[in-house]
C-alpha atoms as a PDB file:
ATOM      1  CA  UNK A   1      73.405 -15.869  44.837  1.00  0.00           C
ATOM      2  CA  UNK A   2      75.311 -19.158  44.950  1.00  0.00           C
ATOM      3  CA  UNK A   3      79.110 -19.318  44.591  1.00  0.00           C
ATOM      4  CA  UNK A   4      79.907 -23.022  44.234  1.00  0.00           C
ATOM      5  CA  UNK A   5      82.497 -24.710  42.015  1.00  0.00           C
ATOM      6  CA  UNK A   6      80.665 -28.038  41.761  1.00  0.00           C
ATOM      7  CA  UNK A   7      78.006 -27.583  39.044  1.00  0.00           C
ATOM      8  CA  UNK A   8      75.683 -30.308  40.363  1.00  0.00           C
ATOM      9  CA  UNK A   9      75.627 -28.779  43.870  1.00  0.00           C
ATOM     10  CA  UNK A  10      75.147 -25.279  42.483  1.00  0.00           C
ATOM     11  CA  UNK A  11      72.253 -26.481  40.331  1.00  0.00           C
ATOM     12  CA  UNK A  12      70.693 -28.368  43.267  1.00  0.00           C
ATOM     13  CA  UNK A  13      70.808 -25.279  45.499  1.00  0.00           C
ATOM     14  CA  UNK A  14      69.413 -23.148  42.664  1.00  0.00           C
ATOM     15  CA  UNK A  15      66.485 -25.534  42.045  1.00  0.00           C
ATOM     16  CA  UNK A  16      65.666 -25.832  45.763  1.00  0.00           C
ATOM     17  CA  UNK A  17      65.668 -22.072  46.273  1.00  0.00           C
ATOM     18  CA  UNK A  18      63.777 -21.305  43.074  1.00  0.00           C
ATOM     19  CA  UNK A  19      61.038 -23.747  44.100  1.00  0.00           C
ATOM     20  CA  UNK A  20      60.847 -21.793  47.382  1.00  0.00           C
ATOM     21  CA  UNK A  21      60.294 -18.576  45.409  1.00  0.00           C
ATOM     22  CA  UNK A  22      63.785 -17.066  45.266  1.00  0.00           C
ATOM     23  CA  UNK A  23      65.641 -15.766  42.209  1.00  0.00           C
ATOM     24  CA  UNK A  24      69.129 -17.284  42.141  1.00  0.00           C
ATOM     25  CA  UNK A  25      72.324 -16.119  40.455  1.00  0.00           C
ATOM     26  CA  UNK A  26      75.227 -18.549  40.057  1.00  0.00           C
ATOM     27  CA  UNK A  27      78.991 -18.131  40.010  1.00  0.00           C
ATOM     28  CA  UNK A  28      81.406 -21.054  39.849  1.00  0.00           C
ATOM     29  CA  UNK A  29      84.685 -19.578  41.127  1.00  0.00           C
ATOM     30  CA  UNK A  30      85.531 -16.999  43.757  1.00  0.00           C
ATOM     31  CA  UNK A  31      86.699 -14.189  41.476  1.00  0.00           C
ATOM     32  CA  UNK A  32      83.591 -14.500  39.298  1.00  0.00           C
ATOM     33  CA  UNK A  33      81.459 -14.426  42.446  1.00  0.00           C
ATOM     34  CA  UNK A  34      83.140 -11.270  43.722  1.00  0.00           C
ATOM     35  CA  UNK A  35      82.549  -9.436  40.456  1.00  0.00           C
ATOM     36  CA  UNK A  36      78.958 -10.644  40.153  1.00  0.00           C
ATOM     37  CA  UNK A  37      78.166  -9.718  43.767  1.00  0.00           C
ATOM     38  CA  UNK A  38      79.610  -6.232  43.285  1.00  0.00           C
ATOM     39  CA  UNK A  39      77.562  -5.722  40.122  1.00  0.00           C
ATOM     40  CA  UNK A  40      74.271  -7.407  41.076  1.00  0.00           C
ATOM     41  CA  UNK A  41      74.189  -6.744  44.879  1.00  0.00           C
ATOM     42  CA  UNK A  42      72.300  -9.929  45.862  1.00  0.00           C
ATOM     43  CA  UNK A  43      70.239 -10.130  49.063  1.00  0.00           C
ATOM     44  CA  UNK A  44      72.282 -13.112  50.278  1.00  0.00           C
ATOM     45  CA  UNK A  45      75.251 -15.230  49.202  1.00  0.00           C
ATOM     46  CA  UNK A  46      75.598 -18.979  49.684  1.00  0.00           C
ATOM     47  CA  UNK A  47      79.317 -19.594  49.490  1.00  0.00           C
ATOM     48  CA  UNK A  48      81.252 -22.844  49.153  1.00  0.00           C
ATOM     49  CA  UNK A  49      84.430 -23.079  51.219  1.00  0.00           C
ATOM     50  CA  UNK A  50      86.640 -25.341  49.124  1.00  0.00           C
ATOM     51  CA  UNK A  51      87.103 -23.843  45.660  1.00  0.00           C
ATOM     52  CA  UNK A  52      90.105 -23.633  43.337  1.00  0.00           C
ATOM     53  CA  UNK A  53      92.359 -20.559  43.278  1.00  0.00           C
ATOM     54  CA  UNK A  54      90.450 -18.645  45.988  1.00  0.00           C
ATOM     55  CA  UNK A  55      88.695 -20.417  48.847  1.00  0.00           C
ATOM     56  CA  UNK A  56      85.400 -19.294  50.346  1.00  0.00           C
ATOM     57  CA  UNK A  57      87.059 -17.818  53.430  1.00  0.00           C
ATOM     58  CA  UNK A  58      89.037 -15.417  51.231  1.00  0.00           C
ATOM     59  CA  UNK A  59      85.963 -14.593  49.133  1.00  0.00           C
ATOM     60  CA  UNK A  60      84.007 -13.801  52.320  1.00  0.00           C
ATOM     61  CA  UNK A  61      86.817 -11.562  53.618  1.00  0.00           C
ATOM     62  CA  UNK A  62      86.934  -9.659  50.330  1.00  0.00           C
ATOM     63  CA  UNK A  63      83.152  -9.274  50.218  1.00  0.00           C
ATOM     64  CA  UNK A  64      83.253  -7.871  53.769  1.00  0.00           C
ATOM     65  CA  UNK A  65      85.858  -5.287  52.704  1.00  0.00           C
ATOM     66  CA  UNK A  66      84.012  -3.907  49.667  1.00  0.00           C
ATOM     67  CA  UNK A  67      81.576  -1.082  50.384  1.00  0.00           C
ATOM     68  CA  UNK A  68      79.100  -2.451  47.821  1.00  0.00           C
ATOM     69  CA  UNK A  69      78.942  -5.935  49.355  1.00  0.00           C
ATOM     70  CA  UNK A  70      79.869  -5.657  53.039  1.00  0.00           C
ATOM     71  CA  UNK A  71      76.193  -5.629  54.094  1.00  0.00           C
ATOM     72  CA  UNK A  72      75.283  -8.848  52.232  1.00  0.00           C
ATOM     73  CA  UNK A  73      74.746 -11.847  54.548  1.00  0.00           C
ATOM     74  CA  UNK A  74      76.873 -14.875  53.654  1.00  0.00           C
ATOM     75  CA  UNK A  75      75.984 -18.482  54.445  1.00  0.00           C
ATOM     76  CA  UNK A  76      78.929 -20.834  54.056  1.00  0.00           C
ATOM     77  CA  UNK A  77      78.087 -24.229  52.561  1.00  0.00           C
ATOM     78  CA  UNK A  78      80.774 -26.880  52.931  1.00  0.00           C
ATOM     79  CA  UNK A  79      81.566 -30.517  53.484  1.00  0.00           C
ATOM     80  CA  UNK A  80      84.176 -29.350  56.038  1.00  0.00           C
ATOM     81  CA  UNK A  81      82.164 -29.974  59.195  1.00  0.00           C
ATOM     82  CA  UNK A  82      84.797 -29.480  61.870  1.00  0.00           C
ATOM     83  CA  UNK A  83      84.179 -26.771  64.450  1.00  0.00           C
ATOM     84  CA  UNK A  84      87.359 -24.933  63.405  1.00  0.00           C
ATOM     85  CA  UNK A  85      86.025 -24.572  59.842  1.00  0.00           C
ATOM     86  CA  UNK A  86      82.731 -23.192  61.124  1.00  0.00           C
ATOM     87  CA  UNK A  87      84.612 -20.673  63.268  1.00  0.00           C
ATOM     88  CA  UNK A  88      86.824 -19.698  60.329  1.00  0.00           C
ATOM     89  CA  UNK A  89      83.668 -19.077  58.298  1.00  0.00           C
ATOM     90  CA  UNK A  90      82.156 -16.829  60.937  1.00  0.00           C
ATOM     91  CA  UNK A  91      85.469 -15.017  61.467  1.00  0.00           C
ATOM     92  CA  UNK A  92      85.772 -14.368  57.726  1.00  0.00           C
ATOM     93  CA  UNK A  93      82.370 -12.662  57.649  1.00  0.00           C
ATOM     94  CA  UNK A  94      79.717 -15.355  57.278  1.00  0.00           C
ATOM     95  CA  UNK A  95      76.522 -15.136  59.317  1.00  0.00           C
ATOM     96  CA  UNK A  96      75.929 -18.896  59.224  1.00  0.00           C
ATOM     97  CA  UNK A  97      77.481 -22.215  58.165  1.00  0.00           C
ATOM     98  CA  UNK A  98      75.663 -25.226  56.697  1.00  0.00           C
ATOM     99  CA  UNK A  99      77.415 -28.551  56.153  1.00  0.00           C
ATOM    100  CA  UNK A 100      77.017 -30.834  53.148  1.00  0.00           C
ATOM    101  CA  UNK A 101      75.047 -32.960  52.752  1.00  0.00           C
ATOM    102  CA  UNK A 102      72.426 -30.423  53.752  1.00  0.00           C
ATOM    103  CA  UNK A 103      68.732 -30.654  54.499  1.00  0.00           C
ATOM    104  CA  UNK A 104      66.625 -28.794  51.919  1.00  0.00           C
ATOM    105  CA  UNK A 105      64.251 -27.392  54.541  1.00  0.00           C
ATOM    106  CA  UNK A 106      67.155 -26.143  56.668  1.00  0.00           C
ATOM    107  CA  UNK A 107      68.666 -24.389  53.656  1.00  0.00           C
ATOM    108  CA  UNK A 108      65.369 -22.680  52.829  1.00  0.00           C
ATOM    109  CA  UNK A 109      64.789 -21.705  56.475  1.00  0.00           C
ATOM    110  CA  UNK A 110      68.266 -20.168  56.770  1.00  0.00           C
ATOM    111  CA  UNK A 111      67.860 -18.214  53.535  1.00  0.00           C
ATOM    112  CA  UNK A 112      64.448 -16.947  54.635  1.00  0.00           C
ATOM    113  CA  UNK A 113      65.888 -15.945  58.013  1.00  0.00           C
ATOM    114  CA  UNK A 114      68.596 -13.732  56.514  1.00  0.00           C
ATOM    115  CA  UNK A 115      66.704 -12.360  53.524  1.00  0.00           C
ATOM    116  CA  UNK A 116      63.881 -10.872  55.619  1.00  0.00           C
END
């Protein structure tokens, strides 16, 4: 599952992962992502940090608190590349953090690592 407010980035991630053999759900804002994750229980969530109304850190914290979703690995995907942002991502519940622009092969490798 991808939670990303920028449609072109969300579509790019979806295409890359589908070509690698994954089924991909998409949500475009945090609240929609929370509801979809609770209903669909994806194997992994790729989560943007900077989104309107609810940022990715808050979404990750909420996912970690819900019994239905607390086991789902989260990979943060953000243009915020500072170390403090990476630490905030991990502290909010993410298992990994990838910065934009990202390498397609790295994205696939990370997803494969956490979906196994």
